[in-house]
């Protein structure tokens, strides 16, 4: 890990064709631009980025969304 290397879209999606990678990269750029615009708007209004309702990095977190329809399709222990 001594060298820092730029991660490419192909590193993230090695199974995709060149055409699919072009679309994926364009989508990622639009998503990042949207997040930046939201951040800039909040900052201009003197607001801060909202805290998430749950700690998404907590260990032992259940990987389901409360109230989500697909939860009923998962096997319960």
PDB file of N, CA and C in Angstrom:
ATOM      1  N   UNK A   1       0.811  -1.206   0.000  1.00  0.00           N
ATOM      2  CA  UNK A   1       0.000   0.000   0.000  1.00  0.00           C
ATOM      3  C   UNK A   1       0.847   1.259   0.000  1.00  0.00           C
ATOM      4  N   UNK A   2       2.092   1.150  -0.356  1.00  0.00           N
ATOM      5  CA  UNK A   2       2.962   2.294  -0.335  1.00  0.00           C
ATOM      6  C   UNK A   2       2.668   3.295  -1.437  1.00  0.00           C
ATOM      7  N   UNK A   3       2.077   2.830  -2.533  1.00  0.00           N
ATOM      8  CA  UNK A   3       1.801   3.722  -3.658  1.00  0.00           C
ATOM      9  C   UNK A   3       0.314   4.030  -3.733  1.00  0.00           C
ATOM     10  N   UNK A   4       0.018   5.300  -3.938  1.00  0.00           N
ATOM     11  CA  UNK A   4      -1.372   5.694  -4.198  1.00  0.00           C
ATOM     12  C   UNK A   4      -1.614   5.610  -5.691  1.00  0.00           C
ATOM     13  N   UNK A   5      -2.740   5.020  -6.047  1.00  0.00           N
ATOM     14  CA  UNK A   5      -3.067   4.852  -7.448  1.00  0.00           C
ATOM     15  C   UNK A   5      -4.507   5.314  -7.644  1.00  0.00           C
ATOM     16  N   UNK A   6      -4.749   5.972  -8.764  1.00  0.00           N
ATOM     17  CA  UNK A   6      -6.092   6.413  -9.087  1.00  0.00           C
ATOM     18  C   UNK A   6      -6.945   5.207  -9.447  1.00  0.00           C
ATOM     19  N   UNK A   7      -8.123   5.118  -8.836  1.00  0.00           N
ATOM     20  CA  UNK A   7      -9.058   4.045  -9.156  1.00  0.00           C
ATOM     21  C   UNK A   7      -9.905   4.500 -10.334  1.00  0.00           C
ATOM     22  N   UNK A   8     -10.003   3.675 -11.337  1.00  0.00           N
ATOM     23  CA  UNK A   8     -10.783   4.009 -12.521  1.00  0.00           C
ATOM     24  C   UNK A   8     -12.159   3.364 -12.436  1.00  0.00           C
ATOM     25  N   UNK A   9     -13.049   3.807 -13.292  1.00  0.00           N
ATOM     26  CA  UNK A   9     -14.390   3.225 -13.349  1.00  0.00           C
ATOM     27  C   UNK A   9     -14.286   1.753 -13.756  1.00  0.00           C
ATOM     28  N   UNK A  10     -13.279   1.410 -14.559  1.00  0.00           N
ATOM     29  CA  UNK A  10     -13.088   0.017 -14.959  1.00  0.00           C
ATOM     30  C   UNK A  10     -12.648  -0.839 -13.776  1.00  0.00           C
ATOM     31  N   UNK A  11     -11.923  -0.252 -12.824  1.00  0.00           N
ATOM     32  CA  UNK A  11     -11.565  -0.980 -11.597  1.00  0.00           C
ATOM     33  C   UNK A  11     -12.815  -1.329 -10.798  1.00  0.00           C
ATOM     34  N   UNK A  12     -13.783  -0.416 -10.804  1.00  0.00           N
ATOM     35  CA  UNK A  12     -15.019  -0.640 -10.049  1.00  0.00           C
ATOM     36  C   UNK A  12     -15.928  -1.655 -10.725  1.00  0.00           C
ATOM     37  N   UNK A  13     -15.943  -1.639 -12.054  1.00  0.00           N
ATOM     38  CA  UNK A  13     -16.836  -2.504 -12.827  1.00  0.00           C
ATOM     39  C   UNK A  13     -16.047  -3.244 -13.905  1.00  0.00           C
ATOM     40  N   UNK A  14     -15.203  -4.191 -13.524  1.00  0.00           N
ATOM     41  CA  UNK A  14     -14.341  -4.853 -14.514  1.00  0.00           C
ATOM     42  C   UNK A  14     -15.098  -5.716 -15.522  1.00  0.00           C
ATOM     43  N   UNK A  15     -16.320  -6.088 -15.215  1.00  0.00           N
ATOM     44  CA  UNK A  15     -17.111  -6.940 -16.102  1.00  0.00           C
ATOM     45  C   UNK A  15     -17.841  -6.162 -17.201  1.00  0.00           C
ATOM     46  N   UNK A  16     -17.836  -4.846 -17.136  1.00  0.00           N
ATOM     47  CA  UNK A  16     -18.593  -4.039 -18.099  1.00  0.00           C
ATOM     48  C   UNK A  16     -17.822  -3.827 -19.395  1.00  0.00           C
ATOM     49  N   UNK A  17     -18.587  -3.688 -20.478  1.00  0.00           N
ATOM     50  CA  UNK A  17     -17.988  -3.358 -21.778  1.00  0.00           C
ATOM     51  C   UNK A  17     -17.590  -1.878 -21.787  1.00  0.00           C
ATOM     52  N   UNK A  18     -16.855  -1.478 -22.810  1.00  0.00           N
ATOM     53  CA  UNK A  18     -16.445  -0.069 -22.920  1.00  0.00           C
ATOM     54  C   UNK A  18     -17.658   0.857 -22.987  1.00  0.00           C
ATOM     55  N   UNK A  19     -18.673   0.459 -23.738  1.00  0.00           N
ATOM     56  CA  UNK A  19     -19.881   1.290 -23.862  1.00  0.00           C
ATOM     57  C   UNK A  19     -20.577   1.418 -22.510  1.00  0.00           C
ATOM     58  N   UNK A  20     -20.656   0.322 -21.764  1.00  0.00           N
ATOM     59  CA  UNK A  20     -21.285   0.370 -20.439  1.00  0.00           C
ATOM     60  C   UNK A  20     -20.471   1.233 -19.478  1.00  0.00           C
ATOM     61  N   UNK A  21     -19.146   1.173 -19.595  1.00  0.00           N
ATOM     62  CA  UNK A  21     -18.288   1.987 -18.727  1.00  0.00           C
ATOM     63  C   UNK A  21     -18.472   3.474 -19.004  1.00  0.00           C
ATOM     64  N   UNK A  22     -18.660   3.836 -20.266  1.00  0.00           N
ATOM     65  CA  UNK A  22     -18.895   5.243 -20.621  1.00  0.00           C
ATOM     66  C   UNK A  22     -20.179   5.735 -19.958  1.00  0.00           C
ATOM     67  N   UNK A  23     -21.232   4.929 -20.020  1.00  0.00           N
ATOM     68  CA  UNK A  23     -22.509   5.291 -19.400  1.00  0.00           C
ATOM     69  C   UNK A  23     -22.360   5.360 -17.884  1.00  0.00           C
ATOM     70  N   UNK A  24     -21.683   4.372 -17.286  1.00  0.00           N
ATOM     71  CA  UNK A  24     -21.498   4.351 -15.836  1.00  0.00           C
ATOM     72  C   UNK A  24     -20.704   5.568 -15.355  1.00  0.00           C
ATOM     73  N   UNK A  25     -19.667   5.929 -16.089  1.00  0.00           N
ATOM     74  CA  UNK A  25     -18.864   7.093 -15.714  1.00  0.00           C
ATOM     75  C   UNK A  25     -19.679   8.384 -15.817  1.00  0.00           C
ATOM     76  N   UNK A  26     -20.476   8.510 -16.871  1.00  0.00           N
ATOM     77  CA  UNK A  26     -21.325   9.699 -17.023  1.00  0.00           C
ATOM     78  C   UNK A  26     -22.340   9.778 -15.884  1.00  0.00           C
ATOM     79  N   UNK A  27     -22.946   8.652 -15.527  1.00  0.00           N
ATOM     80  CA  UNK A  27     -23.896   8.630 -14.411  1.00  0.00           C
ATOM     81  C   UNK A  27     -23.226   9.014 -13.101  1.00  0.00           C
ATOM     82  N   UNK A  28     -22.028   8.486 -12.865  1.00  0.00           N
ATOM     83  CA  UNK A  28     -21.295   8.816 -11.638  1.00  0.00           C
ATOM     84  C   UNK A  28     -20.979  10.308 -11.579  1.00  0.00           C
ATOM     85  N   UNK A  29     -20.559  10.880 -12.687  1.00  0.00           N
ATOM     86  CA  UNK A  29     -20.243  12.319 -12.725  1.00  0.00           C
ATOM     87  C   UNK A  29     -21.485  13.161 -12.458  1.00  0.00           C
ATOM     88  N   UNK A  30     -22.638  12.753 -13.020  1.00  0.00           N
ATOM     89  CA  UNK A  30     -23.882  13.493 -12.763  1.00  0.00           C
ATOM     90  C   UNK A  30     -24.288  13.380 -11.296  1.00  0.00           C
ATOM     91  N   UNK A  31     -24.117  12.208 -10.710  1.00  0.00           N
ATOM     92  CA  UNK A  31     -24.450  12.001  -9.306  1.00  0.00           C
ATOM     93  C   UNK A  31     -23.572  12.871  -8.404  1.00  0.00           C
ATOM     94  N   UNK A  32     -22.278  12.887  -8.673  1.00  0.00           N
ATOM     95  CA  UNK A  32     -21.363  13.712  -7.873  1.00  0.00           C
ATOM     96  C   UNK A  32     -21.708  15.192  -8.036  1.00  0.00           C
ATOM     97  N   UNK A  33     -22.026  15.622  -9.246  1.00  0.00           N
ATOM     98  CA  UNK A  33     -22.406  17.020  -9.482  1.00  0.00           C
ATOM     99  C   UNK A  33     -23.659  17.381  -8.691  1.00  0.00           C
ATOM    100  N   UNK A  34     -24.620  16.456  -8.619  1.00  0.00           N
ATOM    101  CA  UNK A  34     -25.835  16.695  -7.841  1.00  0.00           C
ATOM    102  C   UNK A  34     -25.515  16.850  -6.361  1.00  0.00           C
ATOM    103  N   UNK A  35     -24.683  15.975  -5.829  1.00  0.00           N
ATOM    104  CA  UNK A  35     -24.305  16.052  -4.417  1.00  0.00           C
ATOM    105  C   UNK A  35     -23.586  17.374  -4.124  1.00  0.00           C
ATOM    106  N   UNK A  36     -22.721  17.794  -5.021  1.00  0.00           N
ATOM    107  CA  UNK A  36     -22.007  19.069  -4.842  1.00  0.00           C
ATOM    108  C   UNK A  36     -22.997  20.231  -4.852  1.00  0.00           C
ATOM    109  N   UNK A  37     -23.980  20.198  -5.771  1.00  0.00           N
ATOM    110  CA  UNK A  37     -24.985  21.266  -5.815  1.00  0.00           C
ATOM    111  C   UNK A  37     -25.811  21.307  -4.537  1.00  0.00           C
ATOM    112  N   UNK A  38     -26.193  20.142  -4.023  1.00  0.00           N
ATOM    113  CA  UNK A  38     -26.937  20.094  -2.758  1.00  0.00           C
ATOM    114  C   UNK A  38     -26.095  20.675  -1.634  1.00  0.00           C
ATOM    115  N   UNK A  39     -24.835  20.282  -1.556  1.00  0.00           N
ATOM    116  CA  UNK A  39     -23.934  20.794  -0.519  1.00  0.00           C
ATOM    117  C   UNK A  39     -23.788  22.308  -0.623  1.00  0.00           C
ATOM    118  N   UNK A  40     -23.545  22.798  -1.843  1.00  0.00           N
ATOM    119  CA  UNK A  40     -23.375  24.246  -2.043  1.00  0.00           C
ATOM    120  C   UNK A  40     -24.642  25.015  -1.667  1.00  0.00           C
ATOM    121  N   UNK A  41     -25.795  24.477  -2.013  1.00  0.00           N
ATOM    122  CA  UNK A  41     -27.070  25.124  -1.685  1.00  0.00           C
ATOM    123  C   UNK A  41     -27.269  25.199  -0.172  1.00  0.00           C
ATOM    124  N   UNK A  42     -26.999  24.073   0.507  1.00  0.00           N
ATOM    125  CA  UNK A  42     -27.126  24.061   1.973  1.00  0.00           C
ATOM    126  C   UNK A  42     -26.174  25.071   2.604  1.00  0.00           C
ATOM    127  N   UNK A  43     -24.952  25.108   2.107  1.00  0.00           N
ATOM    128  CA  UNK A  43     -23.967  26.055   2.641  1.00  0.00           C
ATOM    129  C   UNK A  43     -24.418  27.497   2.401  1.00  0.00           C
ATOM    130  N   UNK A  44     -24.942  27.799   1.226  1.00  0.00           N
ATOM    131  CA  UNK A  44     -25.401  29.149   0.902  1.00  0.00           C
ATOM    132  C   UNK A  44     -26.572  29.560   1.788  1.00  0.00           C
ATOM    133  N   UNK A  45     -27.373  28.592   2.207  1.00  0.00           N
ATOM    134  CA  UNK A  45     -28.514  28.873   3.078  1.00  0.00           C
ATOM    135  C   UNK A  45     -28.140  28.834   4.561  1.00  0.00           C
ATOM    136  N   UNK A  46     -26.849  28.632   4.828  1.00  0.00           N
ATOM    137  CA  UNK A  46     -26.389  28.614   6.216  1.00  0.00           C
ATOM    138  C   UNK A  46     -26.766  27.352   6.967  1.00  0.00           C
ATOM    139  N   UNK A  47     -27.025  26.302   6.228  1.00  0.00           N
ATOM    140  CA  UNK A  47     -27.400  25.032   6.840  1.00  0.00           C
ATOM    141  C   UNK A  47     -26.245  24.051   6.728  1.00  0.00           C
ATOM    142  N   UNK A  48     -26.328  22.974   7.481  1.00  0.00           N
ATOM    143  CA  UNK A  48     -25.291  21.948   7.389  1.00  0.00           C
ATOM    144  C   UNK A  48     -25.890  20.687   6.797  1.00  0.00           C
ATOM    145  N   UNK A  49     -25.009  19.806   6.377  1.00  0.00           N
ATOM    146  CA  UNK A  49     -25.441  18.531   5.825  1.00  0.00           C
ATOM    147  C   UNK A  49     -26.164  17.763   6.925  1.00  0.00           C
ATOM    148  N   UNK A  50     -27.342  17.218   6.644  1.00  0.00           N
ATOM    149  CA  UNK A  50     -28.083  16.512   7.698  1.00  0.00           C
ATOM    150  C   UNK A  50     -27.379  15.235   8.139  1.00  0.00           C
ATOM    151  N   UNK A  51     -27.505  14.924   9.422  1.00  0.00           N
ATOM    152  CA  UNK A  51     -26.949  13.674   9.934  1.00  0.00           C
ATOM    153  C   UNK A  51     -27.818  12.525   9.449  1.00  0.00           C
ATOM    154  N   UNK A  52     -27.200  11.385   9.133  1.00  0.00           N
ATOM    155  CA  UNK A  52     -28.013  10.247   8.711  1.00  0.00           C
ATOM    156  C   UNK A  52     -28.865   9.753   9.881  1.00  0.00           C
ATOM    157  N   UNK A  53     -30.033   9.175   9.578  1.00  0.00           N
ATOM    158  CA  UNK A  53     -30.902   8.699  10.647  1.00  0.00           C
ATOM    159  C   UNK A  53     -30.324   7.506  11.393  1.00  0.00           C
ATOM    160  N   UNK A  54     -29.393   6.793  10.766  1.00  0.00           N
ATOM    161  CA  UNK A  54     -28.744   5.653  11.416  1.00  0.00           C
ATOM    162  C   UNK A  54     -27.262   5.700  11.111  1.00  0.00           C
ATOM    163  N   UNK A  55     -26.483   5.043  11.957  1.00  0.00           N
ATOM    164  CA  UNK A  55     -25.049   4.951  11.735  1.00  0.00           C
ATOM    165  C   UNK A  55     -24.805   3.828  10.734  1.00  0.00           C
ATOM    166  N   UNK A  56     -24.494   4.179   9.498  1.00  0.00           N
ATOM    167  CA  UNK A  56     -24.342   3.196   8.439  1.00  0.00           C
ATOM    168  C   UNK A  56     -23.054   2.399   8.548  1.00  0.00           C
ATOM    169  N   UNK A  57     -22.148   2.815   9.419  1.00  0.00           N
ATOM    170  CA  UNK A  57     -20.886   2.101   9.574  1.00  0.00           C
ATOM    171  C   UNK A  57     -20.868   1.235  10.820  1.00  0.00           C
ATOM    172  N   UNK A  58     -21.957   1.185  11.566  1.00  0.00           N
ATOM    173  CA  UNK A  58     -21.994   0.412  12.804  1.00  0.00           C
ATOM    174  C   UNK A  58     -21.858  -1.076  12.501  1.00  0.00           C
ATOM    175  N   UNK A  59     -21.005  -1.741  13.281  1.00  0.00           N
ATOM    176  CA  UNK A  59     -20.861  -3.184  13.080  1.00  0.00           C
ATOM    177  C   UNK A  59     -22.102  -3.883  13.634  1.00  0.00           C
ATOM    178  N   UNK A  60     -22.438  -4.995  13.041  1.00  0.00           N
ATOM    179  CA  UNK A  60     -23.602  -5.743  13.481  1.00  0.00           C
ATOM    180  C   UNK A  60     -24.911  -5.130  13.026  1.00  0.00           C
ATOM    181  N   UNK A  61     -24.833  -4.171  12.112  1.00  0.00           N
ATOM    182  CA  UNK A  61     -26.042  -3.515  11.624  1.00  0.00           C
ATOM    183  C   UNK A  61     -26.840  -4.481  10.755  1.00  0.00           C
ATOM    184  N   UNK A  62     -28.147  -4.468  10.884  1.00  0.00           N
ATOM    185  CA  UNK A  62     -28.994  -5.297  10.032  1.00  0.00           C
ATOM    186  C   UNK A  62     -28.984  -4.695   8.635  1.00  0.00           C
ATOM    187  N   UNK A  63     -28.895  -5.532   7.659  1.00  0.00           N
ATOM    188  CA  UNK A  63     -28.804  -5.053   6.289  1.00  0.00           C
ATOM    189  C   UNK A  63     -30.171  -5.006   5.607  1.00  0.00           C
ATOM    190  N   UNK A  64     -31.143  -4.482   6.296  1.00  0.00           N
ATOM    191  CA  UNK A  64     -32.470  -4.309   5.728  1.00  0.00           C
ATOM    192  C   UNK A  64     -32.947  -2.899   6.047  1.00  0.00           C
ATOM    193  N   UNK A  65     -33.894  -2.452   5.279  1.00  0.00           N
ATOM    194  CA  UNK A  65     -34.486  -1.145   5.488  1.00  0.00           C
ATOM    195  C   UNK A  65     -35.824  -1.352   6.178  1.00  0.00           C
ATOM    196  N   UNK A  66     -36.027  -0.743   7.347  1.00  0.00           N
ATOM    197  CA  UNK A  66     -37.299  -0.940   8.053  1.00  0.00           C
ATOM    198  C   UNK A  66     -38.484  -0.564   7.173  1.00  0.00           C
ATOM    199  N   UNK A  67     -39.498  -1.440   7.139  1.00  0.00           N
ATOM    200  CA  UNK A  67     -40.688  -1.167   6.356  1.00  0.00           C
ATOM    201  C   UNK A  67     -40.561  -1.455   4.877  1.00  0.00           C
ATOM    202  N   UNK A  68     -39.395  -1.895   4.425  1.00  0.00           N
ATOM    203  CA  UNK A  68     -39.176  -2.178   3.009  1.00  0.00           C
ATOM    204  C   UNK A  68     -39.904  -3.457   2.623  1.00  0.00           C
ATOM    205  N   UNK A  69     -40.616  -3.427   1.505  1.00  0.00           N
ATOM    206  CA  UNK A  69     -41.377  -4.593   1.043  1.00  0.00           C
ATOM    207  C   UNK A  69     -40.502  -5.816   0.859  1.00  0.00           C
ATOM    208  N   UNK A  70     -39.297  -5.632   0.339  1.00  0.00           N
ATOM    209  CA  UNK A  70     -38.440  -6.781   0.047  1.00  0.00           C
ATOM    210  C   UNK A  70     -37.969  -7.490   1.317  1.00  0.00           C
ATOM    211  N   UNK A  71     -38.090  -6.842   2.486  1.00  0.00           N
ATOM    212  CA  UNK A  71     -37.697  -7.489   3.738  1.00  0.00           C
ATOM    213  C   UNK A  71     -38.497  -8.758   3.969  1.00  0.00           C
ATOM    214  N   UNK A  72     -39.740  -8.780   3.559  1.00  0.00           N
ATOM    215  CA  UNK A  72     -40.584  -9.942   3.798  1.00  0.00           C
ATOM    216  C   UNK A  72     -40.145 -11.121   2.943  1.00  0.00           C
ATOM    217  N   UNK A  73     -39.345 -10.870   1.921  1.00  0.00           N
ATOM    218  CA  UNK A  73     -38.879 -11.940   1.062  1.00  0.00           C
ATOM    219  C   UNK A  73     -37.621 -12.598   1.589  1.00  0.00           C
ATOM    220  N   UNK A  74     -36.968 -11.962   2.550  1.00  0.00           N
ATOM    221  CA  UNK A  74     -35.725 -12.519   3.094  1.00  0.00           C
ATOM    222  C   UNK A  74     -36.042 -13.520   4.182  1.00  0.00           C
ATOM    223  N   UNK A  75     -35.177 -14.498   4.320  1.00  0.00           N
ATOM    224  CA  UNK A  75     -35.362 -15.540   5.323  1.00  0.00           C
ATOM    225  C   UNK A  75     -35.087 -14.958   6.701  1.00  0.00           C
ATOM    226  N   UNK A  76     -35.944 -15.170   7.616  1.00  0.00           N
ATOM    227  CA  UNK A  76     -35.774 -14.684   8.993  1.00  0.00           C
ATOM    228  C   UNK A  76     -35.153 -15.782   9.838  1.00  0.00           C
ATOM    229  N   UNK A  77     -34.249 -15.402  10.728  1.00  0.00           N
ATOM    230  CA  UNK A  77     -33.621 -16.373  11.631  1.00  0.00           C
ATOM    231  C   UNK A  77     -34.418 -16.513  12.897  1.00  0.00           C
TER     232      UNK A  77
END
